[in-house]
Amino acid sequence: MARSACKLVSLDVNFREPLWPSPDTARQEMLAAVKTADIVKVSAGEDGELEFMFGNTTSPSRGAEQLLNLGPALVLVTLARDGCYARSRSAEVKVPGIRVEAVDTTGAGDAFTAAVLTRLVEMGMGKADDIACLSGDSLREICLFANVTAALTCTRKGAISALPSRSEVEDRIKMMAEPG
């Protein structure tokens, strides 16, 4: 329905093994879903979706390339406290993580994805072709906003209740930009 309405399709793979009849079924369905999405978010590292889909030796850059080859315009690989790696058809960036005193990581991936989608909408990126042509600077800004949002989410218990306000995210970004 989204495709027929010319809407972007975003996919957060969010693998939870107990919810699937088998790992092979999960892998096949995830890869099939990636082919239908414009934006794909996966995690990397221990128990990450990237390694699950492509093998333990997959690097974020190689895994993102493999996912892009399946059709999305943008692939986002979260690296937990190490930030994220993002790759479109025209740019790639690695944005470091934001150091915080983590209380609960529940909802961090959802906060990250919501922040990415928010910035894309605010930038007028309503089509896959727009996203595929994002500059490295724009992609870096989007990822910084998403990293800060996810990091601040980890400083509180819960998921939705832990989400930071827009002003909290912007204040943290300003604070990071200040010299010293």
N, C-alpha and C. Protein backbone atom coordinates (compact mmCIF):
# COMPACT_ATOMS: atom_id res chain seq x y z
N MET A 1 0.82 -1.19 0.00
CA MET A 1 0.00 0.00 0.00
C MET A 1 0.87 1.26 0.00
N ALA A 2 1.95 1.23 0.79
CA ALA A 2 2.83 2.41 0.84
C ALA A 2 3.42 2.67 -0.54
N ARG A 3 3.87 1.63 -1.19
CA ARG A 3 4.46 1.80 -2.52
C ARG A 3 3.43 2.38 -3.50
N SER A 4 2.21 1.88 -3.46
CA SER A 4 1.21 2.37 -4.40
C SER A 4 0.84 3.82 -4.11
N ALA A 5 1.07 4.27 -2.87
CA ALA A 5 0.80 5.66 -2.50
C ALA A 5 2.06 6.52 -2.63
N CYS A 6 3.11 5.97 -3.23
CA CYS A 6 4.39 6.68 -3.43
C CYS A 6 4.99 7.17 -2.10
N LYS A 7 4.88 6.35 -1.07
CA LYS A 7 5.43 6.66 0.24
C LYS A 7 6.72 5.89 0.46
N LEU A 8 7.59 6.46 1.29
CA LEU A 8 8.82 5.76 1.65
C LEU A 8 8.50 4.57 2.55
N VAL A 9 9.29 3.52 2.40
CA VAL A 9 9.15 2.35 3.24
C VAL A 9 10.43 2.21 4.06
N SER A 10 10.27 2.22 5.38
CA SER A 10 11.39 2.08 6.29
C SER A 10 11.29 0.74 7.01
N LEU A 11 12.42 0.07 7.16
CA LEU A 11 12.45 -1.25 7.80
C LEU A 11 13.52 -1.26 8.87
N ASP A 12 13.13 -1.55 10.10
CA ASP A 12 14.06 -1.84 11.18
C ASP A 12 13.98 -3.35 11.36
N VAL A 13 15.04 -4.05 10.98
CA VAL A 13 15.01 -5.52 10.97
C VAL A 13 14.66 -6.07 12.34
N ASN A 14 15.26 -5.59 13.42
CA ASN A 14 14.90 -5.92 14.80
C ASN A 14 14.66 -7.41 15.03
N PHE A 15 15.65 -8.22 14.74
CA PHE A 15 15.56 -9.69 14.85
C PHE A 15 15.41 -10.14 16.30
N ARG A 16 14.39 -10.96 16.54
CA ARG A 16 14.17 -11.61 17.83
C ARG A 16 13.94 -13.10 17.54
N GLU A 17 14.96 -13.89 17.73
CA GLU A 17 14.92 -15.30 17.33
C GLU A 17 13.72 -16.08 17.86
N PRO A 18 13.30 -15.92 19.12
CA PRO A 18 12.16 -16.71 19.60
C PRO A 18 10.86 -16.47 18.84
N LEU A 19 10.78 -15.40 18.09
CA LEU A 19 9.55 -15.08 17.35
C LEU A 19 9.47 -15.79 16.00
N TRP A 20 10.54 -16.49 15.62
CA TRP A 20 10.60 -17.12 14.32
C TRP A 20 10.59 -18.64 14.44
N PRO A 21 10.02 -19.36 13.44
CA PRO A 21 10.03 -20.82 13.49
C PRO A 21 11.44 -21.40 13.38
N SER A 22 12.33 -20.68 12.67
CA SER A 22 13.72 -21.13 12.55
C SER A 22 14.59 -19.94 12.13
N PRO A 23 15.88 -20.01 12.42
CA PRO A 23 16.78 -18.94 11.97
C PRO A 23 16.80 -18.80 10.45
N ASP A 24 16.76 -19.92 9.73
CA ASP A 24 16.77 -19.84 8.26
C ASP A 24 15.54 -19.11 7.72
N THR A 25 14.38 -19.40 8.31
CA THR A 25 13.16 -18.70 7.89
C THR A 25 13.29 -17.22 8.16
N ALA A 26 13.80 -16.88 9.34
CA ALA A 26 13.97 -15.47 9.69
C ALA A 26 14.89 -14.77 8.69
N ARG A 27 16.01 -15.38 8.40
CA ARG A 27 16.99 -14.79 7.46
C ARG A 27 16.35 -14.56 6.09
N GLN A 28 15.65 -15.57 5.57
CA GLN A 28 15.01 -15.45 4.26
C GLN A 28 13.96 -14.34 4.25
N GLU A 29 13.15 -14.25 5.29
CA GLU A 29 12.10 -13.23 5.35
C GLU A 29 12.70 -11.84 5.50
N MET A 30 13.77 -11.72 6.30
CA MET A 30 14.42 -10.42 6.47
C MET A 30 14.98 -9.92 5.15
N LEU A 31 15.68 -10.79 4.44
CA LEU A 31 16.27 -10.38 3.16
C LEU A 31 15.19 -10.05 2.14
N ALA A 32 14.07 -10.77 2.18
CA ALA A 32 12.96 -10.45 1.28
C ALA A 32 12.37 -9.09 1.63
N ALA A 33 12.25 -8.79 2.93
CA ALA A 33 11.71 -7.50 3.36
C ALA A 33 12.62 -6.35 2.96
N VAL A 34 13.94 -6.57 3.05
CA VAL A 34 14.91 -5.53 2.67
C VAL A 34 14.68 -5.10 1.23
N LYS A 35 14.33 -6.03 0.37
CA LYS A 35 14.12 -5.73 -1.05
C LYS A 35 12.94 -4.80 -1.27
N THR A 36 12.04 -4.69 -0.30
CA THR A 36 10.85 -3.84 -0.44
C THR A 36 11.02 -2.48 0.21
N ALA A 37 12.14 -2.26 0.89
CA ALA A 37 12.32 -1.05 1.70
C ALA A 37 13.20 -0.01 1.01
N ASP A 38 12.95 1.25 1.33
CA ASP A 38 13.79 2.36 0.88
C ASP A 38 14.90 2.65 1.89
N ILE A 39 14.56 2.48 3.16
CA ILE A 39 15.49 2.74 4.26
C ILE A 39 15.53 1.49 5.12
N VAL A 40 16.74 1.01 5.41
CA VAL A 40 16.89 -0.18 6.24
C VAL A 40 17.82 0.14 7.40
N LYS A 41 17.39 -0.22 8.61
CA LYS A 41 18.20 -0.06 9.81
C LYS A 41 18.48 -1.45 10.37
N VAL A 42 19.75 -1.75 10.58
CA VAL A 42 20.17 -3.00 11.20
C VAL A 42 21.20 -2.68 12.28
N SER A 43 21.39 -3.62 13.18
CA SER A 43 22.44 -3.47 14.19
C SER A 43 23.61 -4.36 13.80
N ALA A 44 24.78 -4.00 14.31
CA ALA A 44 25.98 -4.81 14.09
C ALA A 44 26.63 -5.07 15.44
N GLY A 45 27.49 -6.03 15.46
CA GLY A 45 28.16 -6.38 16.70
C GLY A 45 27.61 -7.67 17.24
N GLU A 46 27.93 -7.94 18.49
CA GLU A 46 27.47 -9.17 19.12
C GLU A 46 25.95 -9.26 19.04
N ASP A 47 25.44 -10.36 18.52
CA ASP A 47 24.00 -10.58 18.34
C ASP A 47 23.36 -9.60 17.37
N GLY A 48 24.14 -9.01 16.47
CA GLY A 48 23.60 -8.05 15.51
C GLY A 48 22.92 -8.71 14.33
N GLU A 49 21.98 -7.99 13.75
CA GLU A 49 21.26 -8.49 12.58
C GLU A 49 22.16 -8.60 11.36
N LEU A 50 23.11 -7.70 11.24
CA LEU A 50 24.00 -7.72 10.08
C LEU A 50 24.78 -9.04 10.03
N GLU A 51 25.35 -9.42 11.15
CA GLU A 51 26.10 -10.67 11.21
C GLU A 51 25.17 -11.87 11.02
N PHE A 52 23.97 -11.77 11.57
CA PHE A 52 23.01 -12.86 11.41
C PHE A 52 22.66 -13.07 9.93
N MET A 53 22.47 -12.00 9.20
CA MET A 53 22.08 -12.11 7.80
C MET A 53 23.22 -12.52 6.89
N PHE A 54 24.45 -12.02 7.17
CA PHE A 54 25.55 -12.21 6.22
C PHE A 54 26.77 -12.94 6.76
N GLY A 55 26.76 -13.32 8.01
CA GLY A 55 27.90 -14.05 8.57
C GLY A 55 28.73 -13.20 9.51
N ASN A 56 29.40 -13.85 10.42
CA ASN A 56 30.14 -13.16 11.49
C ASN A 56 31.30 -12.32 11.00
N THR A 57 31.77 -12.52 9.79
CA THR A 57 32.92 -11.76 9.32
C THR A 57 32.51 -10.50 8.56
N THR A 58 31.24 -10.21 8.53
CA THR A 58 30.75 -9.04 7.80
C THR A 58 31.06 -7.76 8.55
N SER A 59 31.70 -6.82 7.87
CA SER A 59 31.95 -5.50 8.45
C SER A 59 30.72 -4.63 8.18
N PRO A 60 30.54 -3.55 8.95
CA PRO A 60 29.41 -2.66 8.67
C PRO A 60 29.41 -2.15 7.23
N SER A 61 30.58 -1.79 6.69
CA SER A 61 30.60 -1.26 5.32
C SER A 61 30.25 -2.33 4.30
N ARG A 62 30.77 -3.53 4.49
CA ARG A 62 30.47 -4.63 3.55
C ARG A 62 29.00 -5.04 3.67
N GLY A 63 28.51 -5.14 4.89
CA GLY A 63 27.10 -5.50 5.08
C GLY A 63 26.16 -4.46 4.50
N ALA A 64 26.49 -3.19 4.69
CA ALA A 64 25.66 -2.11 4.12
C ALA A 64 25.66 -2.19 2.60
N GLU A 65 26.81 -2.47 2.03
CA GLU A 65 26.89 -2.61 0.57
C GLU A 65 26.01 -3.77 0.10
N GLN A 66 26.07 -4.88 0.80
CA GLN A 66 25.24 -6.02 0.41
C GLN A 66 23.75 -5.68 0.51
N LEU A 67 23.38 -4.96 1.56
CA LEU A 67 21.98 -4.56 1.70
C LEU A 67 21.57 -3.56 0.61
N LEU A 68 22.43 -2.58 0.32
CA LEU A 68 22.12 -1.63 -0.75
C LEU A 68 21.92 -2.33 -2.09
N ASN A 69 22.68 -3.37 -2.33
CA ASN A 69 22.54 -4.13 -3.57
C ASN A 69 21.20 -4.83 -3.69
N LEU A 70 20.48 -4.95 -2.58
CA LEU A 70 19.14 -5.57 -2.61
C LEU A 70 18.05 -4.54 -2.92
N GLY A 71 18.40 -3.24 -2.92
CA GLY A 71 17.42 -2.25 -3.35
C GLY A 71 17.20 -1.01 -2.52
N PRO A 72 17.46 -1.00 -1.22
CA PRO A 72 17.21 0.23 -0.46
C PRO A 72 18.05 1.41 -0.94
N ALA A 73 17.60 2.61 -0.64
CA ALA A 73 18.34 3.82 -0.98
C ALA A 73 19.30 4.21 0.15
N LEU A 74 19.00 3.76 1.37
CA LEU A 74 19.80 4.12 2.54
C LEU A 74 19.84 2.95 3.50
N VAL A 75 21.05 2.65 3.98
CA VAL A 75 21.24 1.61 4.99
C VAL A 75 21.92 2.26 6.19
N LEU A 76 21.35 2.01 7.36
CA LEU A 76 21.88 2.51 8.62
C LEU A 76 22.27 1.33 9.49
N VAL A 77 23.51 1.30 9.93
CA VAL A 77 24.01 0.22 10.77
C VAL A 77 24.35 0.80 12.13
N THR A 78 23.58 0.44 13.14
CA THR A 78 23.89 0.94 14.48
C THR A 78 24.97 0.07 15.10
N LEU A 79 25.87 0.74 15.83
CA LEU A 79 27.04 0.08 16.41
C LEU A 79 27.06 0.23 17.92
N ALA A 80 25.88 0.27 18.54
CA ALA A 80 25.73 0.45 19.99
C ALA A 80 26.48 1.70 20.42
N ARG A 81 27.31 1.61 21.45
CA ARG A 81 28.01 2.80 21.98
C ARG A 81 29.02 3.39 21.01
N ASP A 82 29.33 2.64 19.94
CA ASP A 82 30.30 3.13 18.96
C ASP A 82 29.67 3.98 17.86
N GLY A 83 28.37 4.26 17.95
CA GLY A 83 27.73 5.15 16.98
C GLY A 83 27.03 4.41 15.86
N CYS A 84 27.27 4.86 14.64
CA CYS A 84 26.61 4.22 13.50
C CYS A 84 27.43 4.40 12.23
N TYR A 85 27.11 3.57 11.28
CA TYR A 85 27.65 3.65 9.93
C TYR A 85 26.44 3.78 9.03
N ALA A 86 26.48 4.72 8.10
CA ALA A 86 25.36 4.91 7.18
C ALA A 86 25.89 4.98 5.76
N ARG A 87 25.12 4.40 4.87
CA ARG A 87 25.54 4.40 3.47
C ARG A 87 24.31 4.54 2.57
N SER A 88 24.42 5.52 1.68
CA SER A 88 23.41 5.68 0.62
C SER A 88 24.12 5.32 -0.68
N ARG A 89 23.44 5.53 -1.78
CA ARG A 89 24.08 5.24 -3.07
C ARG A 89 25.14 6.27 -3.42
N SER A 90 25.11 7.43 -2.72
CA SER A 90 26.05 8.50 -3.07
C SER A 90 27.03 8.87 -1.96
N ALA A 91 26.84 8.37 -0.75
CA ALA A 91 27.71 8.79 0.36
C ALA A 91 27.75 7.70 1.43
N GLU A 92 28.81 7.76 2.23
CA GLU A 92 28.89 6.89 3.39
C GLU A 92 29.58 7.65 4.51
N VAL A 93 29.13 7.41 5.74
CA VAL A 93 29.70 8.07 6.90
C VAL A 93 29.73 7.11 8.08
N LYS A 94 30.68 7.32 8.95
CA LYS A 94 30.69 6.67 10.26
C LYS A 94 30.68 7.80 11.27
N VAL A 95 29.69 7.77 12.14
CA VAL A 95 29.52 8.83 13.12
C VAL A 95 29.70 8.21 14.51
N PRO A 96 30.65 8.74 15.29
CA PRO A 96 30.93 8.15 16.60
C PRO A 96 29.74 8.23 17.55
N GLY A 97 29.76 7.34 18.52
CA GLY A 97 28.70 7.33 19.52
C GLY A 97 28.83 8.48 20.49
N ILE A 98 27.79 8.67 21.26
CA ILE A 98 27.72 9.72 22.26
C ILE A 98 27.84 9.06 23.62
N ARG A 99 28.80 9.46 24.40
CA ARG A 99 29.03 8.85 25.71
C ARG A 99 28.00 9.37 26.72
N VAL A 100 27.31 8.42 27.33
CA VAL A 100 26.33 8.73 28.38
C VAL A 100 26.42 7.65 29.45
N GLU A 101 25.84 7.92 30.59
CA GLU A 101 25.70 6.93 31.65
C GLU A 101 24.42 6.15 31.34
N ALA A 102 24.58 4.97 30.74
CA ALA A 102 23.42 4.18 30.31
C ALA A 102 22.72 3.55 31.51
N VAL A 103 21.40 3.70 31.53
CA VAL A 103 20.56 3.12 32.56
C VAL A 103 19.77 1.95 31.98
N ASP A 104 19.29 2.12 30.74
CA ASP A 104 18.45 1.12 30.08
C ASP A 104 18.53 1.36 28.58
N THR A 105 18.90 0.33 27.83
CA THR A 105 19.03 0.50 26.38
C THR A 105 17.73 0.20 25.63
N THR A 106 16.68 -0.16 26.36
CA THR A 106 15.39 -0.43 25.72
C THR A 106 14.95 0.80 24.93
N GLY A 107 14.62 0.60 23.69
CA GLY A 107 14.10 1.69 22.87
C GLY A 107 15.14 2.51 22.14
N ALA A 108 16.43 2.24 22.37
CA ALA A 108 17.47 3.04 21.72
C ALA A 108 17.41 2.91 20.20
N GLY A 109 17.23 1.71 19.69
CA GLY A 109 17.15 1.51 18.24
C GLY A 109 15.93 2.18 17.65
N ASP A 110 14.82 2.10 18.34
CA ASP A 110 13.60 2.76 17.86
C ASP A 110 13.77 4.27 17.88
N ALA A 111 14.42 4.79 18.93
CA ALA A 111 14.67 6.24 19.01
C ALA A 111 15.57 6.68 17.87
N PHE A 112 16.60 5.87 17.58
CA PHE A 112 17.52 6.17 16.49
C PHE A 112 16.75 6.26 15.17
N THR A 113 15.95 5.24 14.88
CA THR A 113 15.21 5.20 13.62
C THR A 113 14.21 6.35 13.53
N ALA A 114 13.51 6.63 14.61
CA ALA A 114 12.56 7.75 14.61
C ALA A 114 13.26 9.07 14.34
N ALA A 115 14.45 9.24 14.92
CA ALA A 115 15.20 10.47 14.71
C ALA A 115 15.65 10.61 13.26
N VAL A 116 16.10 9.51 12.66
CA VAL A 116 16.49 9.54 11.24
C VAL A 116 15.29 9.94 10.39
N LEU A 117 14.16 9.29 10.60
CA LEU A 117 12.97 9.58 9.80
C LEU A 117 12.51 11.03 10.01
N THR A 118 12.60 11.51 11.24
CA THR A 118 12.24 12.90 11.53
C THR A 118 13.09 13.86 10.70
N ARG A 119 14.39 13.67 10.73
CA ARG A 119 15.30 14.57 10.00
C ARG A 119 15.07 14.47 8.49
N LEU A 120 14.83 13.27 7.98
CA LEU A 120 14.57 13.13 6.54
C LEU A 120 13.32 13.91 6.14
N VAL A 121 12.26 13.81 6.93
CA VAL A 121 11.03 14.54 6.64
C VAL A 121 11.30 16.04 6.70
N GLU A 122 12.02 16.47 7.74
CA GLU A 122 12.31 17.89 7.88
C GLU A 122 13.17 18.43 6.73
N MET A 123 13.98 17.57 6.14
CA MET A 123 14.83 17.98 5.02
C MET A 123 14.11 17.85 3.68
N GLY A 124 12.85 17.42 3.70
CA GLY A 124 12.08 17.29 2.47
C GLY A 124 12.45 16.08 1.64
N MET A 125 13.00 15.07 2.28
CA MET A 125 13.42 13.85 1.58
C MET A 125 12.26 12.86 1.54
N GLY A 126 11.36 13.04 0.62
CA GLY A 126 10.16 12.24 0.55
C GLY A 126 10.18 11.11 -0.45
N LYS A 127 11.26 10.99 -1.20
CA LYS A 127 11.35 9.95 -2.23
C LYS A 127 12.68 9.21 -2.09
N ALA A 128 12.69 7.97 -2.51
CA ALA A 128 13.91 7.16 -2.43
C ALA A 128 15.05 7.81 -3.22
N ASP A 129 14.73 8.42 -4.35
CA ASP A 129 15.78 9.07 -5.15
C ASP A 129 16.43 10.23 -4.39
N ASP A 130 15.62 10.95 -3.59
CA ASP A 130 16.18 12.03 -2.76
C ASP A 130 17.17 11.46 -1.76
N ILE A 131 16.77 10.40 -1.11
CA ILE A 131 17.60 9.79 -0.06
C ILE A 131 18.86 9.18 -0.65
N ALA A 132 18.74 8.58 -1.80
CA ALA A 132 19.90 7.97 -2.46
C ALA A 132 20.97 9.01 -2.78
N CYS A 133 20.57 10.25 -2.95
CA CYS A 133 21.51 11.32 -3.34
C CYS A 133 21.95 12.19 -2.16
N LEU A 134 21.67 11.79 -0.94
CA LEU A 134 22.10 12.57 0.22
C LEU A 134 23.60 12.80 0.19
N SER A 135 24.02 14.01 0.53
CA SER A 135 25.45 14.30 0.62
C SER A 135 26.00 13.69 1.91
N GLY A 136 27.30 13.54 1.96
CA GLY A 136 27.95 13.05 3.17
C GLY A 136 27.67 13.96 4.36
N ASP A 137 27.67 15.27 4.15
CA ASP A 137 27.40 16.21 5.23
C ASP A 137 25.98 16.05 5.77
N SER A 138 25.02 15.91 4.88
CA SER A 138 23.63 15.73 5.31
C SER A 138 23.48 14.41 6.05
N LEU A 139 24.08 13.37 5.53
CA LEU A 139 24.00 12.06 6.17
C LEU A 139 24.66 12.10 7.55
N ARG A 140 25.77 12.79 7.66
CA ARG A 140 26.46 12.93 8.95
C ARG A 140 25.57 13.67 9.95
N GLU A 141 24.91 14.75 9.52
CA GLU A 141 24.04 15.53 10.41
C GLU A 141 22.86 14.67 10.88
N ILE A 142 22.27 13.92 9.97
CA ILE A 142 21.15 13.04 10.32
C ILE A 142 21.60 12.02 11.36
N CYS A 143 22.76 11.42 11.13
CA CYS A 143 23.26 10.38 12.05
C CYS A 143 23.64 10.95 13.40
N LEU A 144 24.19 12.15 13.43
CA LEU A 144 24.51 12.78 14.72
C LEU A 144 23.22 13.00 15.51
N PHE A 145 22.22 13.54 14.87
CA PHE A 145 20.92 13.76 15.52
C PHE A 145 20.36 12.43 16.05
N ALA A 146 20.45 11.38 15.25
CA ALA A 146 19.94 10.07 15.65
C ALA A 146 20.77 9.47 16.78
N ASN A 147 22.09 9.58 16.71
CA ASN A 147 22.96 9.05 17.77
C ASN A 147 22.68 9.73 19.10
N VAL A 148 22.53 11.06 19.08
CA VAL A 148 22.25 11.79 20.32
C VAL A 148 20.89 11.38 20.87
N THR A 149 19.90 11.27 20.01
CA THR A 149 18.56 10.85 20.44
C THR A 149 18.61 9.48 21.09
N ALA A 150 19.27 8.53 20.45
CA ALA A 150 19.37 7.18 21.01
C ALA A 150 20.15 7.16 22.32
N ALA A 151 21.25 7.90 22.37
CA ALA A 151 22.07 7.93 23.58
C ALA A 151 21.28 8.50 24.76
N LEU A 152 20.59 9.60 24.54
CA LEU A 152 19.80 10.20 25.62
C LEU A 152 18.67 9.28 26.07
N THR A 153 18.12 8.49 25.14
CA THR A 153 17.09 7.51 25.50
C THR A 153 17.64 6.50 26.50
N CYS A 154 18.90 6.16 26.37
CA CYS A 154 19.53 5.17 27.25
C CYS A 154 19.78 5.70 28.66
N THR A 155 19.60 6.99 28.88
CA THR A 155 19.87 7.55 30.20
C THR A 155 18.68 7.43 31.15
N ARG A 156 17.57 6.87 30.64
CA ARG A 156 16.35 6.73 31.45
C ARG A 156 15.78 5.33 31.28
N LYS A 157 15.00 4.90 32.23
CA LYS A 157 14.33 3.60 32.12
C LYS A 157 13.12 3.71 31.21
N GLY A 158 12.86 2.61 30.49
CA GLY A 158 11.69 2.56 29.64
C GLY A 158 12.03 2.77 28.18
N ALA A 159 11.01 2.83 27.38
CA ALA A 159 11.20 3.03 25.94
C ALA A 159 10.59 4.37 25.55
N ILE A 160 9.28 4.42 25.45
CA ILE A 160 8.62 5.66 25.04
C ILE A 160 8.82 6.75 26.09
N SER A 161 8.70 6.39 27.35
CA SER A 161 8.87 7.39 28.41
C SER A 161 10.30 7.90 28.49
N ALA A 162 11.25 7.18 27.93
CA ALA A 162 12.66 7.57 27.97
C ALA A 162 13.06 8.49 26.81
N LEU A 163 12.20 8.64 25.83
CA LEU A 163 12.55 9.46 24.68
C LEU A 163 12.83 10.90 25.09
N PRO A 164 13.92 11.47 24.61
CA PRO A 164 14.23 12.86 24.95
C PRO A 164 13.36 13.82 24.14
N SER A 165 13.23 15.03 24.65
CA SER A 165 12.53 16.07 23.89
C SER A 165 13.45 16.58 22.79
N ARG A 166 12.86 17.26 21.85
CA ARG A 166 13.64 17.86 20.77
C ARG A 166 14.67 18.84 21.33
N SER A 167 14.27 19.64 22.32
CA SER A 167 15.20 20.62 22.88
C SER A 167 16.35 19.94 23.61
N GLU A 168 16.11 18.80 24.25
CA GLU A 168 17.21 18.08 24.91
C GLU A 168 18.24 17.61 23.88
N VAL A 169 17.75 17.10 22.77
CA VAL A 169 18.65 16.63 21.71
C VAL A 169 19.44 17.81 21.14
N GLU A 170 18.75 18.88 20.80
CA GLU A 170 19.42 20.05 20.23
C GLU A 170 20.41 20.68 21.20
N ASP A 171 20.05 20.73 22.49
CA ASP A 171 20.96 21.27 23.50
C ASP A 171 22.23 20.43 23.58
N ARG A 172 22.08 19.12 23.53
CA ARG A 172 23.26 18.24 23.62
C ARG A 172 24.14 18.43 22.39
N ILE A 173 23.55 18.56 21.23
CA ILE A 173 24.34 18.77 20.00
C ILE A 173 25.08 20.11 20.08
N LYS A 174 24.41 21.16 20.56
CA LYS A 174 25.06 22.46 20.71
C LYS A 174 26.23 22.37 21.70
N MET A 175 26.00 21.67 22.79
CA MET A 175 27.04 21.51 23.81
C MET A 175 28.26 20.78 23.24
N MET A 176 28.01 19.81 22.39
CA MET A 176 29.10 19.05 21.76
C MET A 176 29.89 19.92 20.79
N ALA A 177 29.22 20.89 20.18
CA ALA A 177 29.87 21.74 19.18
C ALA A 177 30.70 22.85 19.80
N GLU A 178 30.45 23.14 21.08
CA GLU A 178 31.17 24.22 21.75
C GLU A 178 32.62 23.82 21.99
N PRO A 179 33.55 24.74 21.77
CA PRO A 179 34.95 24.42 22.01
C PRO A 179 35.21 24.18 23.50
N GLY A 180 36.16 23.25 23.75
CA GLY A 180 36.58 23.00 25.13
C GLY A 180 35.69 22.06 25.76
